[in-house]
N, C-alpha and C. Protein backbone atom coordinates (compact mmCIF):
# COMPACT_ATOMS: atom_id res chain seq x y z
N UNK A 1 0.47 -6.15 -16.14
CA UNK A 1 1.12 -5.03 -15.60
C UNK A 1 2.69 -5.34 -15.17
N UNK A 2 2.95 -6.57 -14.85
CA UNK A 2 4.30 -6.90 -14.49
C UNK A 2 4.53 -6.93 -12.97
N UNK A 3 5.90 -6.83 -12.61
CA UNK A 3 6.15 -6.99 -11.24
C UNK A 3 6.80 -5.66 -10.83
N UNK A 4 6.68 -5.36 -9.46
CA UNK A 4 7.20 -4.13 -8.86
C UNK A 4 8.23 -4.52 -7.73
N UNK A 5 9.30 -3.79 -7.63
CA UNK A 5 10.27 -4.13 -6.48
C UNK A 5 10.44 -2.82 -5.60
N UNK A 6 10.60 -3.00 -4.38
CA UNK A 6 10.89 -1.90 -3.46
C UNK A 6 12.32 -2.21 -2.88
N UNK A 7 13.21 -1.11 -2.97
CA UNK A 7 14.55 -1.21 -2.61
C UNK A 7 14.80 0.03 -1.66
N UNK A 8 15.44 -0.35 -0.54
CA UNK A 8 15.87 0.74 0.38
C UNK A 8 17.40 1.00 0.02
N UNK A 9 17.61 2.36 -0.11
CA UNK A 9 18.98 2.76 -0.26
C UNK A 9 19.43 3.39 0.98
N UNK A 10 20.50 3.00 1.50
CA UNK A 10 20.94 3.54 2.76
C UNK A 10 21.84 4.76 2.38
N UNK A 11 21.50 5.82 2.80
CA UNK A 11 22.21 7.17 2.30
C UNK A 11 23.61 7.23 2.84
N UNK A 12 23.99 6.72 3.74
CA UNK A 12 25.35 6.65 4.20
C UNK A 12 26.28 5.94 3.22
N UNK A 13 25.74 5.30 2.27
CA UNK A 13 26.46 4.53 1.23
C UNK A 13 26.41 5.25 -0.15
N UNK A 14 25.84 6.48 -0.12
CA UNK A 14 25.75 7.07 -1.51
C UNK A 14 27.13 7.30 -2.18
N UNK A 15 28.05 7.52 -1.34
CA UNK A 15 29.49 7.76 -1.97
C UNK A 15 29.93 6.50 -2.67
N UNK A 16 29.77 5.33 -1.85
CA UNK A 16 30.21 4.08 -2.50
C UNK A 16 29.32 3.70 -3.75
N UNK A 17 28.03 4.09 -3.63
CA UNK A 17 27.24 3.84 -4.82
C UNK A 17 27.56 4.67 -6.02
N UNK A 18 27.89 5.92 -5.74
CA UNK A 18 28.21 6.88 -6.83
C UNK A 18 29.46 6.41 -7.58
N UNK A 19 30.41 5.90 -6.71
CA UNK A 19 31.75 5.49 -7.22
C UNK A 19 31.72 4.17 -7.92
N UNK A 20 30.71 3.36 -7.60
CA UNK A 20 30.53 1.99 -8.16
C UNK A 20 29.15 1.91 -8.69
N UNK A 21 28.67 2.84 -9.46
CA UNK A 21 27.32 2.86 -10.00
C UNK A 21 26.96 1.55 -10.81
N UNK A 22 27.89 1.15 -11.62
CA UNK A 22 27.51 0.04 -12.49
C UNK A 22 27.49 -1.28 -11.69
N UNK A 23 28.40 -1.48 -10.66
CA UNK A 23 28.42 -2.61 -9.84
C UNK A 23 27.12 -2.67 -9.02
N UNK A 24 26.73 -1.37 -8.48
CA UNK A 24 25.40 -1.31 -7.70
C UNK A 24 24.31 -1.73 -8.58
N UNK A 25 24.21 -1.27 -9.75
CA UNK A 25 23.04 -1.44 -10.59
C UNK A 25 23.06 -2.99 -10.93
N UNK A 26 24.16 -3.61 -11.26
CA UNK A 26 24.29 -4.98 -11.57
C UNK A 26 23.83 -5.84 -10.31
N UNK A 27 24.34 -5.43 -9.08
CA UNK A 27 23.97 -6.29 -8.05
C UNK A 27 22.46 -6.12 -7.62
N UNK A 28 22.00 -5.06 -7.88
CA UNK A 28 20.54 -4.69 -7.61
C UNK A 28 19.63 -5.60 -8.55
N UNK A 29 19.98 -5.59 -9.87
CA UNK A 29 19.19 -6.40 -10.75
C UNK A 29 19.30 -7.85 -10.48
N UNK A 30 20.60 -8.40 -10.16
CA UNK A 30 20.85 -9.79 -9.71
C UNK A 30 19.99 -10.19 -8.55
N UNK A 31 19.98 -9.25 -7.59
CA UNK A 31 19.22 -9.53 -6.28
C UNK A 31 17.76 -9.58 -6.62
N UNK A 32 17.28 -8.70 -7.28
CA UNK A 32 15.79 -8.69 -7.68
C UNK A 32 15.43 -10.01 -8.51
N UNK A 33 16.32 -10.18 -9.47
CA UNK A 33 16.09 -11.49 -10.27
C UNK A 33 16.06 -12.69 -9.37
N UNK A 34 16.96 -12.89 -8.38
CA UNK A 34 16.91 -14.07 -7.56
C UNK A 34 15.60 -13.95 -6.66
N UNK A 35 15.28 -12.86 -6.26
CA UNK A 35 14.20 -12.69 -5.39
C UNK A 35 12.82 -13.21 -6.15
N UNK A 36 12.75 -12.60 -7.32
CA UNK A 36 11.61 -12.98 -8.25
C UNK A 36 11.52 -14.39 -8.57
N UNK A 37 12.66 -15.12 -8.67
CA UNK A 37 12.59 -16.54 -9.02
C UNK A 37 12.57 -17.35 -7.87
N UNK A 38 12.26 -16.64 -6.61
CA UNK A 38 12.21 -17.62 -5.34
C UNK A 38 13.35 -18.11 -4.80
N UNK A 39 14.49 -17.57 -5.27
CA UNK A 39 15.81 -18.05 -4.57
C UNK A 39 16.09 -17.31 -3.26
N UNK A 40 16.75 -17.93 -2.42
CA UNK A 40 17.15 -17.37 -1.08
C UNK A 40 18.01 -16.18 -1.33
N UNK A 41 17.55 -14.93 -0.86
CA UNK A 41 18.53 -13.95 -0.89
C UNK A 41 18.81 -13.28 0.54
N UNK A 42 18.52 -14.17 1.43
CA UNK A 42 18.79 -13.81 2.86
C UNK A 42 17.95 -12.62 3.23
N UNK A 43 18.52 -11.62 3.69
CA UNK A 43 17.77 -10.35 4.04
C UNK A 43 17.57 -9.42 3.00
N UNK A 44 18.13 -9.61 1.89
CA UNK A 44 17.96 -8.81 0.67
C UNK A 44 19.09 -7.77 0.51
N UNK A 45 20.09 -7.70 1.35
CA UNK A 45 21.06 -6.79 1.24
C UNK A 45 22.00 -7.16 0.07
N UNK A 46 22.53 -6.06 -0.63
CA UNK A 46 23.58 -6.37 -1.64
C UNK A 46 24.53 -5.15 -1.62
N UNK A 47 25.72 -5.47 -1.89
CA UNK A 47 26.79 -4.48 -1.93
C UNK A 47 27.29 -3.72 -3.14
N UNK A 48 28.19 -2.78 -2.90
CA UNK A 48 28.81 -2.04 -4.05
C UNK A 48 30.15 -1.57 -3.56
N UNK A 49 31.17 -1.76 -4.33
CA UNK A 49 32.51 -1.23 -3.79
C UNK A 49 32.87 -1.83 -2.52
N UNK A 50 33.36 -1.06 -1.65
CA UNK A 50 33.80 -1.45 -0.29
C UNK A 50 32.63 -1.52 0.64
N UNK A 51 31.47 -1.00 0.46
CA UNK A 51 30.35 -1.04 1.25
C UNK A 51 29.60 -2.26 0.99
N UNK A 52 29.40 -3.03 2.13
CA UNK A 52 28.81 -4.36 2.12
C UNK A 52 27.42 -4.44 1.97
N UNK A 53 26.57 -3.32 2.35
CA UNK A 53 25.19 -3.35 2.33
C UNK A 53 24.55 -1.97 2.09
N UNK A 54 24.86 -1.36 0.96
CA UNK A 54 24.21 -0.07 0.64
C UNK A 54 22.82 -0.09 0.35
N UNK A 55 22.23 -1.22 0.09
CA UNK A 55 20.84 -1.24 -0.25
C UNK A 55 20.24 -2.66 0.08
N UNK A 56 18.94 -2.66 0.11
CA UNK A 56 18.22 -3.97 0.48
C UNK A 56 17.05 -3.97 -0.45
N UNK A 57 16.80 -5.12 -1.11
CA UNK A 57 15.61 -5.49 -1.82
C UNK A 57 14.63 -5.93 -0.87
N UNK A 58 13.46 -5.30 -0.62
CA UNK A 58 12.43 -5.61 0.45
C UNK A 58 11.36 -6.31 -0.22
N UNK A 59 10.86 -6.02 -1.35
CA UNK A 59 9.58 -6.43 -1.94
C UNK A 59 9.76 -6.78 -3.36
N UNK A 60 9.12 -7.77 -3.69
CA UNK A 60 9.03 -8.02 -5.27
C UNK A 60 7.74 -8.75 -5.52
N UNK A 61 6.79 -8.19 -6.00
CA UNK A 61 5.50 -8.81 -6.14
C UNK A 61 4.75 -8.15 -7.47
N UNK A 62 3.80 -8.99 -7.97
CA UNK A 62 2.99 -8.52 -9.11
C UNK A 62 2.39 -7.24 -8.70
N UNK A 63 2.09 -6.49 -9.76
CA UNK A 63 1.64 -5.09 -9.58
C UNK A 63 0.15 -5.30 -9.07
N UNK A 64 -0.54 -6.34 -9.17
CA UNK A 64 -1.90 -6.43 -8.71
C UNK A 64 -1.96 -6.52 -7.18
N UNK A 65 -0.83 -6.69 -6.53
CA UNK A 65 -0.81 -6.70 -5.02
C UNK A 65 -0.32 -5.39 -4.49
N UNK A 66 -0.84 -5.04 -3.32
CA UNK A 66 -0.51 -3.93 -2.58
C UNK A 66 0.17 -4.33 -1.23
N UNK A 67 1.39 -3.87 -0.95
CA UNK A 67 2.04 -4.23 0.32
C UNK A 67 2.12 -3.08 1.24
N UNK A 68 2.21 -3.44 2.43
CA UNK A 68 2.43 -2.39 3.61
C UNK A 68 3.73 -2.83 4.11
N UNK A 69 4.67 -1.84 3.97
CA UNK A 69 6.09 -2.12 4.38
C UNK A 69 6.59 -1.13 5.43
N UNK A 70 7.16 -1.69 6.53
CA UNK A 70 7.71 -0.79 7.51
C UNK A 70 9.23 -0.58 7.17
N UNK A 71 9.61 0.66 7.36
CA UNK A 71 11.09 0.96 7.15
C UNK A 71 11.59 1.73 8.34
N UNK A 72 12.70 1.18 8.88
CA UNK A 72 13.31 1.71 9.96
C UNK A 72 14.54 0.92 10.47
N UNK A 73 15.39 1.49 11.10
CA UNK A 73 16.69 0.75 11.58
C UNK A 73 17.38 0.25 10.43
N UNK A 74 17.46 0.73 9.23
CA UNK A 74 18.29 0.38 8.12
C UNK A 74 17.72 -0.86 7.41
N UNK A 75 16.46 -1.20 7.76
CA UNK A 75 15.77 -2.37 7.04
C UNK A 75 14.39 -2.01 6.72
N UNK A 76 13.85 -2.90 5.83
CA UNK A 76 12.43 -2.87 5.51
C UNK A 76 11.91 -4.25 5.75
N UNK A 77 10.66 -4.24 6.24
CA UNK A 77 9.88 -5.47 6.57
C UNK A 77 8.42 -5.39 5.94
N UNK A 78 8.16 -6.45 5.27
CA UNK A 78 6.84 -6.51 4.64
C UNK A 78 5.85 -6.93 5.91
N UNK A 79 4.84 -6.05 6.18
CA UNK A 79 4.00 -6.31 7.23
C UNK A 79 2.86 -7.16 6.73
N UNK A 80 2.43 -6.93 5.62
CA UNK A 80 1.41 -7.65 4.77
C UNK A 80 1.07 -7.24 3.50
N UNK A 81 0.35 -7.99 2.73
CA UNK A 81 -0.14 -7.61 1.38
C UNK A 81 -1.44 -8.03 1.10
N UNK A 82 -2.02 -7.57 0.21
CA UNK A 82 -3.38 -7.95 -0.30
C UNK A 82 -3.37 -7.94 -1.93
N UNK A 83 -4.17 -8.91 -2.47
CA UNK A 83 -4.36 -8.88 -3.87
C UNK A 83 -5.59 -8.05 -4.23
N UNK A 84 -5.42 -6.75 -4.71
CA UNK A 84 -6.63 -5.89 -4.84
C UNK A 84 -6.39 -5.13 -6.20
N UNK A 85 -5.64 -5.52 -7.12
CA UNK A 85 -5.36 -4.76 -8.35
C UNK A 85 -4.56 -3.61 -8.21
N UNK A 86 -3.75 -3.59 -7.15
CA UNK A 86 -2.72 -2.53 -6.93
C UNK A 86 -3.36 -1.20 -6.57
N UNK A 87 -4.56 -1.26 -6.06
CA UNK A 87 -5.28 0.01 -5.76
C UNK A 87 -4.97 0.48 -4.27
N UNK A 88 -4.37 1.70 -4.19
CA UNK A 88 -4.14 2.27 -2.90
C UNK A 88 -3.97 3.63 -2.93
N UNK A 89 -4.65 4.29 -4.00
CA UNK A 89 -4.45 5.75 -4.29
C UNK A 89 -5.50 6.65 -3.56
N UNK A 90 -6.61 6.25 -3.18
CA UNK A 90 -7.56 6.98 -2.57
C UNK A 90 -7.65 6.58 -1.06
N UNK A 91 -8.30 7.52 -0.26
CA UNK A 91 -8.38 7.11 1.13
C UNK A 91 -9.16 5.83 1.36
N UNK A 92 -10.24 5.65 0.58
CA UNK A 92 -11.01 4.33 0.68
C UNK A 92 -10.16 3.16 0.33
N UNK A 93 -9.31 3.32 -0.71
CA UNK A 93 -8.46 2.04 -1.11
C UNK A 93 -7.44 1.90 -0.15
N UNK A 94 -6.82 2.96 0.53
CA UNK A 94 -5.83 2.82 1.54
C UNK A 94 -6.49 2.11 2.80
N UNK A 95 -7.68 2.48 3.16
CA UNK A 95 -8.35 1.85 4.30
C UNK A 95 -8.60 0.43 3.99
N UNK A 96 -9.05 0.03 2.76
CA UNK A 96 -9.24 -1.28 2.48
C UNK A 96 -8.03 -2.13 2.58
N UNK A 97 -6.85 -1.55 2.12
CA UNK A 97 -5.65 -2.31 2.28
C UNK A 97 -5.27 -2.53 3.75
N UNK A 98 -5.37 -1.47 4.65
CA UNK A 98 -5.05 -1.71 5.90
C UNK A 98 -5.94 -2.71 6.67
N UNK A 99 -7.30 -2.73 6.25
CA UNK A 99 -8.17 -3.75 6.78
C UNK A 99 -7.82 -5.15 6.36
N UNK A 100 -7.39 -5.34 5.19
CA UNK A 100 -7.07 -6.58 4.62
C UNK A 100 -5.73 -7.14 5.46
N UNK A 101 -4.71 -6.20 5.60
CA UNK A 101 -3.60 -6.59 6.36
C UNK A 101 -3.79 -6.94 7.85
N UNK A 102 -4.64 -6.03 8.45
CA UNK A 102 -5.05 -6.30 9.89
C UNK A 102 -5.75 -7.67 9.94
N UNK A 103 -6.56 -7.90 9.02
CA UNK A 103 -7.36 -9.16 9.09
C UNK A 103 -6.31 -10.35 8.98
N UNK A 104 -5.30 -10.27 8.06
CA UNK A 104 -4.38 -11.26 7.91
C UNK A 104 -3.43 -11.58 9.05
N UNK A 105 -3.37 -10.38 9.91
CA UNK A 105 -2.55 -10.57 11.17
C UNK A 105 -3.41 -10.88 12.33
N UNK A 106 -4.71 -11.06 12.11
CA UNK A 106 -5.72 -11.50 13.20
C UNK A 106 -6.41 -10.40 13.98
N UNK A 107 -6.35 -9.22 13.32
CA UNK A 107 -7.03 -8.07 13.99
C UNK A 107 -8.17 -7.46 13.16
N UNK A 108 -9.07 -6.85 13.79
CA UNK A 108 -10.11 -6.07 13.23
C UNK A 108 -9.82 -4.67 13.23
N UNK A 109 -9.87 -3.89 12.14
CA UNK A 109 -9.58 -2.45 12.08
C UNK A 109 -10.94 -1.79 12.16
N UNK A 110 -11.25 -1.18 13.27
CA UNK A 110 -12.51 -0.57 13.47
C UNK A 110 -12.30 0.99 13.90
N UNK A 111 -13.29 1.78 13.55
CA UNK A 111 -13.18 3.18 13.82
C UNK A 111 -13.25 3.43 15.28
N UNK A 112 -12.65 4.57 15.73
CA UNK A 112 -12.73 4.83 17.29
C UNK A 112 -14.09 5.29 17.57
N UNK A 113 -14.44 4.91 18.74
CA UNK A 113 -15.75 5.50 19.26
C UNK A 113 -15.67 7.01 19.60
N UNK A 114 -16.86 7.72 19.24
CA UNK A 114 -16.72 9.21 19.44
C UNK A 114 -16.69 9.48 20.96
C-alpha cells in the first residue's frame, strides 16, 4: 500500500503558500522524503516565500499503521500508533486503535460504569 504523510497547513500562511506554490510543494516533498529516510527534520516545519513555517510534517508511516495525532497550538503531535492494517473506519476499529494507544501509554481503556 505504501506510505502516508500527515501535514498541517497553517491557514495564516495561505497567502505565502499561494504566491510560492512551487517552493511550498518542493519543500514539502523534501521534508517528507527526509522524514521517511529517518533523517532529523527537527519539528517538521518547512517554509515557503517569506513565511518561515507555513506547514509541518507530523506523520510519515506505512499505510498498515494507524496513528492518533493531536492538533492544536499550530503543531501536531503523534500520541501513539498501532500496526493494524490501517483499519479505523468503523466504531469497533476506532475503539481498537484507542485501546492499543492507551495500552502503549500505560493505561487501560474501559467503559464507564452505568
